Amino acid sequence: MSQPTNDASAPHPRVIALLNQKGGVGKTTSTVNIGAALAEMGKRVCLIDMDPQGHLSLHLGLDGESVGDTVYELLLEPDVPLEQVVVKVRPDLDCVPSRVDLAAAEIELANAPDRLKRLGAKFAPHMLDYDYILLDCPPSLGTLTLNALSMAQEVYVPMQAHFLAMQGFSKLLETVGEVCRNGVNTDLKVSGVILCMHEKHSTLVREVVGELDGFFEENRGNPLLSPFAKVLRPAIRKNIKLAEAPSFGQTIFDYAPWCPGALDYRTLAERIIAQLETDPTDEVSSVTSSHTDSAVVASDSEVRESQEAPETDIESNEMAAPQAKTESSDQPDQPDQPDHPDEPDSVVQIDPPVAAGTISVEPRTRSSDETVTPKSKNSG
């Protein structure tokens, strides 16, 4: 593991949980590729796979059955230290893998008084080894997710800009409120929404994004939201390469480094870094002010081609990552494969929720000029 930094201005890493109580929304894909992009930029990153399905581990080419100790042993065995579980994927990118027996931890930890704090306790001596810790949470609110939320400082919500996703986001805010009110983590904040599998030309998508933008603007000062919370740009466009990369055990930057998905995730990672490094209202003490802003640069020919047709993100004056050059043999973009296909929404509430900030969602009728895209069986 890397040596701790001596920078007194950075006593802790930035610890981010990626959470959505619905499966198949691009959560694992986002955790892997945001983490890989941050590592490319020189940040020291640790990815934690909190899902018994182990999709994050598989995405990185790690088979939970053969890597040795996993997050299961980290939670259940007091004598297993973090360094015995961490797998070094590449320079600056570590992973704490998972495997299917992690599902049993929910039952085995049921009567343990410290069951919600075990993950944080194991990481506490090693916090200075990292600049960013990203937790891929399962799509339910159980002991595993609560361990992640008790350790995290921020929550990012990967989602598709669909009508039902609005209601799901409101419920997720209620969940974060319950985590705070019940003392699991009183400082937890929602820092933003990550739009995945994005179709910007859909009328419905534009309406949902506008509603989300309005919600964050109207709820400035909400104690459940970070001061810089917003819908992050660029949205992650639908891209078949993002669906193919996990089957090769690779990040998108290894598999197709200049496809639209790679460009979008690089830009998104840069803006996640910039949220705290440039925001004067920073209330999170976990990020060093000395982060570097280096990024991987395309070859001259790729840069010239990408600059010819920049793409403007919807409902925003910011420029999204440019469309990359593709070979004529490439397949057309398709929806990303879901992280948890056919998995129902699951919310286990701690106490009856009290909404701290909700989004008003009205049933809508289809306008005559709206384009309707049939839903894929595999889409979240």
Protein backbone atom coordinates (compact mmCIF):
# COMPACT_ATOMS: atom_id res chain seq x y z
CA MET A 1 0.00 0.00 0.00
CA SER A 2 1.15 3.53 -0.69
CA GLN A 3 2.69 5.71 1.98
CA PRO A 4 0.53 8.28 3.77
CA THR A 5 0.77 11.86 2.67
CA ASN A 6 2.41 14.38 5.00
CA ASP A 7 0.14 17.20 3.83
CA ALA A 8 -1.55 18.49 6.97
CA SER A 9 -4.33 20.01 4.89
CA ALA A 10 -5.48 16.52 3.86
CA PRO A 11 -6.17 14.54 7.05
CA HIS A 12 -8.61 12.22 5.30
CA PRO A 13 -9.48 11.02 1.84
CA ARG A 14 -12.73 11.86 0.15
CA VAL A 15 -14.99 8.86 0.86
CA ILE A 16 -17.88 8.50 -1.60
CA ALA A 17 -20.66 5.91 -1.62
CA LEU A 18 -22.37 5.29 -4.95
CA LEU A 19 -25.89 4.31 -4.04
CA ASN A 20 -29.21 3.64 -5.70
CA GLN A 21 -31.87 1.39 -4.25
CA LYS A 22 -32.70 0.28 -7.79
CA GLY A 23 -30.39 -2.09 -9.64
CA GLY A 24 -29.31 -1.80 -13.24
CA VAL A 25 -28.71 1.95 -13.34
CA GLY A 26 -24.96 2.00 -14.06
CA LYS A 27 -23.79 2.15 -10.46
CA THR A 28 -20.99 -0.41 -10.67
CA THR A 29 -19.90 0.81 -14.10
CA SER A 30 -19.65 4.34 -12.69
CA THR A 31 -17.75 3.27 -9.57
CA VAL A 32 -15.14 1.37 -11.60
CA ASN A 33 -14.61 3.96 -14.30
CA ILE A 34 -14.68 7.06 -12.10
CA GLY A 35 -12.14 5.35 -9.85
CA ALA A 36 -9.96 4.36 -12.80
CA ALA A 37 -10.11 7.89 -14.21
CA LEU A 38 -9.09 9.37 -10.86
CA ALA A 39 -6.14 6.95 -10.71
CA GLU A 40 -5.09 7.98 -14.23
CA MET A 41 -4.99 11.55 -12.93
CA GLY A 42 -2.56 10.62 -10.17
CA LYS A 43 -5.04 10.18 -7.32
CA ARG A 44 -4.58 7.27 -4.93
CA VAL A 45 -7.87 5.36 -5.16
CA CYS A 46 -9.42 2.40 -3.37
CA LEU A 47 -12.59 0.76 -4.69
CA ILE A 48 -14.65 -1.30 -2.22
CA ASP A 49 -17.07 -3.92 -3.55
CA MET A 50 -19.90 -4.09 -1.00
CA ASP A 51 -22.22 -6.11 -3.24
CA PRO A 52 -22.34 -9.91 -2.78
CA GLN A 53 -22.74 -10.27 -6.54
CA GLY A 54 -19.14 -9.06 -6.87
CA HIS A 55 -19.71 -7.24 -10.15
CA LEU A 56 -17.15 -4.53 -9.38
CA SER A 57 -14.52 -7.20 -8.70
CA LEU A 58 -15.35 -9.00 -11.95
CA HIS A 59 -15.23 -5.71 -13.86
CA LEU A 60 -11.60 -5.40 -12.75
CA GLY A 61 -10.77 -8.99 -13.67
CA LEU A 62 -10.87 -10.24 -10.07
CA ASP A 63 -12.61 -13.54 -9.30
CA GLY A 64 -13.75 -13.46 -5.69
CA GLU A 65 -13.33 -17.22 -5.40
CA SER A 66 -9.62 -17.07 -6.21
CA VAL A 67 -8.33 -13.76 -4.81
CA GLY A 68 -8.17 -14.95 -1.20
CA ASP A 69 -9.66 -12.84 1.58
CA THR A 70 -12.40 -10.38 0.63
CA VAL A 71 -14.60 -7.80 2.29
CA TYR A 72 -16.42 -10.74 3.92
CA GLU A 73 -13.35 -11.63 6.01
CA LEU A 74 -12.72 -7.94 6.64
CA LEU A 75 -16.15 -7.59 8.27
CA LEU A 76 -16.36 -10.97 10.03
CA GLU A 77 -12.80 -11.72 11.15
CA PRO A 78 -11.39 -9.31 13.75
CA ASP A 79 -7.80 -10.45 13.09
CA VAL A 80 -7.88 -9.87 9.31
CA PRO A 81 -6.25 -6.49 8.56
CA LEU A 82 -7.03 -4.34 5.55
CA GLU A 83 -3.64 -4.93 3.91
CA GLN A 84 -4.41 -8.66 3.78
CA VAL A 85 -7.54 -8.01 1.70
CA VAL A 86 -6.53 -5.15 -0.61
CA VAL A 87 -5.67 -6.13 -4.20
CA LYS A 88 -3.44 -3.74 -6.15
CA VAL A 89 -5.04 -3.55 -9.58
CA ARG A 90 -2.48 -1.08 -10.95
CA PRO A 91 -0.48 1.89 -9.68
CA ASP A 92 -2.76 4.17 -7.64
CA LEU A 93 -5.77 1.84 -7.96
CA ASP A 94 -6.55 -0.68 -5.21
CA CYS A 95 -9.62 -2.85 -4.75
CA VAL A 96 -11.24 -4.62 -1.81
CA PRO A 97 -13.02 -7.46 -3.65
CA SER A 98 -16.24 -9.29 -2.85
CA ARG A 99 -17.72 -12.72 -3.40
CA VAL A 100 -21.12 -14.32 -3.02
CA ASP A 101 -20.75 -15.42 0.62
CA LEU A 102 -20.80 -11.75 1.60
CA ALA A 103 -24.60 -12.09 1.54
CA ALA A 104 -24.36 -14.18 4.72
CA ALA A 105 -22.72 -11.28 6.55
CA GLU A 106 -26.12 -9.62 6.93
CA ILE A 107 -27.24 -12.51 9.16
CA GLU A 108 -23.93 -13.22 10.86
CA LEU A 109 -23.56 -9.61 11.98
CA ALA A 110 -27.18 -9.21 13.07
CA ASN A 111 -26.45 -9.28 16.82
CA ALA A 112 -23.04 -7.59 16.78
CA PRO A 113 -23.23 -4.22 18.56
CA ASP A 114 -20.60 -2.73 16.24
CA ARG A 115 -22.05 -4.26 13.06
CA LEU A 116 -22.50 -0.91 11.27
CA LYS A 117 -19.01 0.41 12.05
CA ARG A 118 -16.77 -2.54 11.23
CA LEU A 119 -15.73 -1.43 7.77
CA GLY A 120 -14.78 2.05 8.94
CA ALA A 121 -12.85 0.64 11.89
CA LYS A 122 -10.71 -1.53 9.60
CA PHE A 123 -9.99 1.41 7.28
CA ALA A 124 -9.29 3.97 10.01
CA PRO A 125 -5.53 3.23 10.34
CA HIS A 126 -5.08 3.42 6.55
CA MET A 127 -7.11 6.48 5.58
CA LEU A 128 -4.01 8.48 4.69
CA ASP A 129 -3.04 5.88 2.11
CA TYR A 130 -5.71 7.21 -0.26
CA ASP A 131 -7.07 10.38 -1.81
CA TYR A 132 -10.38 8.78 -2.82
CA ILE A 133 -12.29 5.78 -1.49
CA LEU A 134 -15.31 4.74 -3.58
CA LEU A 135 -17.86 2.26 -2.25
CA ASP A 136 -20.11 0.30 -4.61
CA CYS A 137 -23.23 -0.35 -2.52
CA PRO A 138 -25.79 -3.12 -3.06
CA PRO A 139 -29.29 -1.98 -4.09
CA SER A 140 -30.79 -2.43 -0.61
CA LEU A 141 -30.54 -0.78 2.78
CA GLY A 142 -29.10 -3.54 4.94
CA THR A 143 -26.03 -4.05 7.10
CA LEU A 144 -23.65 -3.94 4.13
CA THR A 145 -24.98 -0.65 2.77
CA LEU A 146 -25.13 0.87 6.25
CA ASN A 147 -21.47 -0.06 6.80
CA ALA A 148 -20.66 1.86 3.64
CA LEU A 149 -22.81 4.85 4.60
CA SER A 150 -21.40 4.99 8.13
CA MET A 151 -17.91 5.35 6.63
CA ALA A 152 -18.75 7.68 3.73
CA GLN A 153 -18.87 11.46 3.72
CA GLU A 154 -20.76 11.82 0.46
CA VAL A 155 -23.31 9.96 -1.64
CA TYR A 156 -23.50 10.10 -5.43
CA VAL A 157 -26.64 8.72 -7.05
CA PRO A 158 -26.18 7.07 -10.47
CA MET A 159 -29.53 6.99 -12.25
CA GLN A 160 -31.28 7.09 -15.59
CA ALA A 161 -33.38 10.14 -16.37
CA HIS A 162 -36.69 8.29 -16.31
CA PHE A 163 -39.99 9.19 -14.66
CA LEU A 164 -39.85 6.51 -11.94
CA ALA A 165 -36.25 7.41 -11.13
CA MET A 166 -37.52 10.74 -9.78
CA GLN A 167 -39.59 8.97 -7.15
CA GLY A 168 -36.66 6.70 -6.34
CA PHE A 169 -34.42 9.73 -5.78
CA SER A 170 -36.90 11.19 -3.29
CA LYS A 171 -36.93 7.91 -1.37
CA LEU A 172 -33.15 7.81 -1.37
CA LEU A 173 -33.04 11.27 0.23
CA GLU A 174 -35.39 9.97 2.92
CA THR A 175 -33.00 7.07 3.49
CA VAL A 176 -30.02 9.41 3.89
CA GLY A 177 -32.09 11.45 6.33
CA GLU A 178 -32.81 8.36 8.41
CA VAL A 179 -29.12 7.42 8.43
CA CYS A 180 -28.32 10.88 9.79
CA ARG A 181 -31.17 11.04 12.31
CA ASN A 182 -30.45 7.60 13.74
CA GLY A 183 -26.81 8.41 14.41
CA VAL A 184 -25.31 6.02 11.86
CA ASN A 185 -23.55 8.97 10.21
CA THR A 186 -24.72 12.45 11.14
CA ASP A 187 -22.44 14.14 8.58
CA LEU A 188 -23.52 12.21 5.47
CA LYS A 189 -24.44 14.40 2.47
CA VAL A 190 -25.76 13.80 -1.04
CA SER A 191 -23.33 15.46 -3.45
CA GLY A 192 -25.00 14.87 -6.77
CA VAL A 193 -26.66 12.77 -9.43
CA ILE A 194 -24.75 10.94 -12.19
CA LEU A 195 -26.85 10.43 -15.31
CA CYS A 196 -26.12 7.06 -16.94
CA MET A 197 -27.19 5.44 -20.23
CA HIS A 198 -28.23 8.90 -21.33
CA GLU A 199 -30.50 9.73 -24.28
CA LYS A 200 -30.47 13.49 -24.51
CA HIS A 201 -32.87 13.74 -27.46
CA SER A 202 -35.83 12.27 -25.55
CA THR A 203 -38.48 14.74 -24.42
CA LEU A 204 -38.98 12.78 -21.20
CA VAL A 205 -35.25 12.87 -20.44
CA ARG A 206 -35.15 16.64 -20.87
CA GLU A 207 -38.11 17.04 -18.52
CA VAL A 208 -36.60 14.80 -15.84
CA VAL A 209 -33.19 16.50 -16.01
CA GLY A 210 -34.87 19.90 -15.76
CA GLU A 211 -36.82 18.72 -12.72
CA LEU A 212 -33.64 17.46 -11.05
CA ASP A 213 -31.79 20.71 -11.79
CA GLY A 214 -34.68 22.65 -10.30
CA PHE A 215 -34.72 20.48 -7.20
CA PHE A 216 -31.05 21.09 -6.40
CA GLU A 217 -31.41 24.82 -7.05
CA GLU A 218 -34.49 25.13 -4.83
CA ASN A 219 -32.96 23.10 -1.99
CA ARG A 220 -29.70 24.99 -1.47
CA GLY A 221 -29.08 24.88 2.26
CA ASN A 222 -30.85 21.55 2.78
CA PRO A 223 -28.79 19.79 5.48
CA LEU A 224 -28.88 16.53 3.52
CA LEU A 225 -27.20 18.10 0.48
CA SER A 226 -23.60 19.19 0.00
CA PRO A 227 -23.29 22.92 -0.79
CA PHE A 228 -22.13 22.00 -4.31
CA ALA A 229 -24.74 19.25 -4.93
CA LYS A 230 -26.10 19.16 -8.47
CA VAL A 231 -26.72 17.01 -11.53
CA LEU A 232 -23.19 16.33 -12.71
CA ARG A 233 -22.18 16.96 -16.31
CA PRO A 234 -21.44 15.39 -18.66
CA ALA A 235 -24.10 12.72 -18.61
CA ILE A 236 -22.74 9.28 -19.49
CA ARG A 237 -23.99 8.53 -22.99
CA LYS A 238 -25.27 5.13 -24.07
CA ASN A 239 -22.26 3.28 -25.41
CA ILE A 240 -21.83 -0.40 -26.30
CA LYS A 241 -18.17 -0.27 -25.25
CA LEU A 242 -19.21 0.32 -21.63
CA ALA A 243 -21.28 -2.87 -21.79
CA GLU A 244 -18.48 -4.90 -23.36
CA ALA A 245 -15.59 -3.88 -21.07
CA PRO A 246 -16.64 -5.90 -17.97
CA SER A 247 -16.66 -9.17 -19.93
CA PHE A 248 -12.94 -8.62 -20.55
CA GLY A 249 -12.24 -7.68 -16.93
CA GLN A 250 -11.16 -4.20 -18.01
CA THR A 251 -12.02 -0.61 -17.28
CA ILE A 252 -13.27 1.43 -20.21
CA PHE A 253 -9.86 3.14 -20.38
CA ASP A 254 -8.16 -0.19 -21.03
CA TYR A 255 -10.79 -1.55 -23.37
CA ALA A 256 -11.70 1.48 -25.52
CA PRO A 257 -9.86 4.55 -24.21
CA TRP A 258 -11.29 7.05 -26.73
CA CYS A 259 -14.87 5.85 -27.02
CA PRO A 260 -17.64 8.24 -25.88
CA GLY A 261 -18.01 6.42 -22.55
CA ALA A 262 -14.31 6.85 -21.73
CA LEU A 263 -14.40 10.53 -22.66
CA ASP A 264 -17.50 11.10 -20.53
CA TYR A 265 -16.08 9.36 -17.45
CA ARG A 266 -12.75 11.21 -17.74
CA THR A 267 -14.50 14.56 -17.85
CA LEU A 268 -16.82 13.56 -15.02
CA ALA A 269 -13.87 12.58 -12.81
CA GLU A 270 -12.20 15.93 -13.49
CA ARG A 271 -15.35 17.73 -12.39
CA ILE A 272 -15.73 15.62 -9.26
CA ILE A 273 -12.20 16.66 -8.31
CA ALA A 274 -12.98 20.29 -9.11
CA GLN A 275 -16.12 20.31 -6.94
CA LEU A 276 -14.11 20.71 -3.75
CA GLU A 277 -10.82 22.04 -5.04
CA THR A 278 -12.40 25.15 -6.56
CA ASP A 279 -15.61 25.57 -4.55
CA PRO A 280 -15.27 28.35 -1.93
CA THR A 281 -18.18 26.90 0.08
CA ASP A 282 -16.34 23.64 0.75
CA GLU A 283 -17.62 22.17 4.02
CA VAL A 284 -15.98 18.76 3.68
CA SER A 285 -12.53 18.63 5.28
CA SER A 286 -11.56 15.41 3.58
CA VAL A 287 -9.94 16.65 0.40
CA THR A 288 -6.47 18.10 0.04
CA SER A 289 -6.14 21.45 -1.69
CA SER A 290 -3.02 20.21 -3.44
CA HIS A 291 -4.67 17.70 -5.80
CA THR A 292 -3.20 17.82 -9.27
CA ASP A 293 -5.37 18.38 -12.32
CA SER A 294 -3.43 16.26 -14.78
CA ALA A 295 -5.42 14.14 -17.23
CA VAL A 296 -4.67 11.74 -20.03
CA VAL A 297 -4.35 13.64 -23.31
CA ALA A 298 -5.35 12.22 -26.67
CA SER A 299 -3.00 12.13 -29.61
CA ASP A 300 -2.98 15.23 -31.83
CA SER A 301 -5.12 13.59 -34.48
CA GLU A 302 -7.71 12.48 -31.92
CA VAL A 303 -7.84 15.92 -30.36
CA ARG A 304 -8.32 17.61 -33.73
CA GLU A 305 -11.13 15.28 -34.68
CA SER A 306 -12.85 15.53 -31.30
CA GLN A 307 -12.77 19.32 -31.46
CA GLU A 308 -14.54 19.42 -34.78
CA ALA A 309 -17.91 18.43 -33.35
CA PRO A 310 -18.23 19.28 -29.65
CA GLU A 311 -21.42 18.20 -27.97
CA THR A 312 -23.41 20.48 -25.69
CA ASP A 313 -24.99 18.73 -22.74
CA ILE A 314 -28.71 19.25 -22.36
CA GLU A 315 -30.03 21.82 -19.92
CA SER A 316 -26.49 23.14 -19.45
CA ASN A 317 -24.04 25.61 -20.93
CA GLU A 318 -21.18 23.22 -20.15
CA MET A 319 -19.62 21.27 -22.96
CA ALA A 320 -19.78 17.50 -22.75
CA ALA A 321 -16.86 15.34 -23.79
CA PRO A 322 -16.50 15.24 -27.59
CA GLN A 323 -17.47 12.26 -29.68
CA ALA A 324 -14.46 10.06 -30.28
CA LYS A 325 -13.35 8.67 -33.63
CA THR A 326 -14.64 5.13 -34.18
CA GLU A 327 -13.71 2.50 -36.70
CA SER A 328 -16.21 1.64 -39.38
CA SER A 329 -16.46 -1.88 -37.99
CA ASP A 330 -17.64 -0.67 -34.57
CA GLN A 331 -21.12 -1.61 -33.53
CA PRO A 332 -23.67 1.17 -32.95
CA ASP A 333 -24.02 2.43 -29.41
CA GLN A 334 -26.28 0.30 -27.28
CA PRO A 335 -27.53 0.63 -23.71
CA ASP A 336 -25.07 -0.24 -20.98
CA GLN A 337 -25.68 -3.60 -19.38
CA PRO A 338 -27.28 -3.33 -15.95
CA ASP A 339 -25.28 -3.97 -12.80
CA HIS A 340 -28.11 -5.91 -11.20
CA PRO A 341 -30.51 -7.14 -13.90
CA ASP A 342 -34.10 -7.88 -12.96
CA GLU A 343 -33.45 -6.92 -9.37
CA PRO A 344 -36.42 -5.32 -7.59
CA ASP A 345 -36.21 -2.09 -5.68
CA SER A 346 -35.44 -2.83 -2.05
CA VAL A 347 -35.69 -0.39 0.81
CA VAL A 348 -35.32 -1.53 4.42
CA GLN A 349 -36.15 1.53 6.47
CA ILE A 350 -34.61 2.18 9.86
CA ASP A 351 -37.53 4.24 11.14
CA PRO A 352 -40.63 5.57 9.38
CA PRO A 353 -39.08 8.09 6.99
CA VAL A 354 -39.63 11.78 7.20
CA ALA A 355 -38.98 13.46 3.87
CA ALA A 356 -36.41 16.22 4.13
CA GLY A 357 -36.67 17.36 0.56
CA THR A 358 -38.82 15.75 -2.10
CA ILE A 359 -39.37 16.15 -5.77
CA SER A 360 -42.88 16.73 -7.01
CA VAL A 361 -43.61 14.20 -9.73
CA GLU A 362 -46.79 14.58 -11.75
CA PRO A 363 -48.13 11.97 -14.18
CA ARG A 364 -47.61 13.16 -17.71
CA THR A 365 -49.16 12.61 -21.12
CA ARG A 366 -47.08 11.98 -24.18
CA SER A 367 -46.68 14.99 -26.44
CA SER A 368 -47.18 14.57 -30.15
CA ASP A 369 -43.54 15.28 -30.99
CA GLU A 370 -42.02 12.98 -28.40
CA THR A 371 -39.72 10.21 -29.48
CA VAL A 372 -40.41 6.97 -27.63
CA THR A 373 -37.56 4.49 -27.37
CA PRO A 374 -38.60 0.88 -26.64
CA LYS A 375 -37.08 -0.29 -23.38
CA SER A 376 -34.43 -2.99 -23.63
CA LYS A 377 -34.99 -6.13 -21.60
CA ASN A 378 -31.58 -5.66 -20.04
CA SER A 379 -31.88 -2.01 -19.20
CA GLY A 380 -32.28 -0.90 -15.61
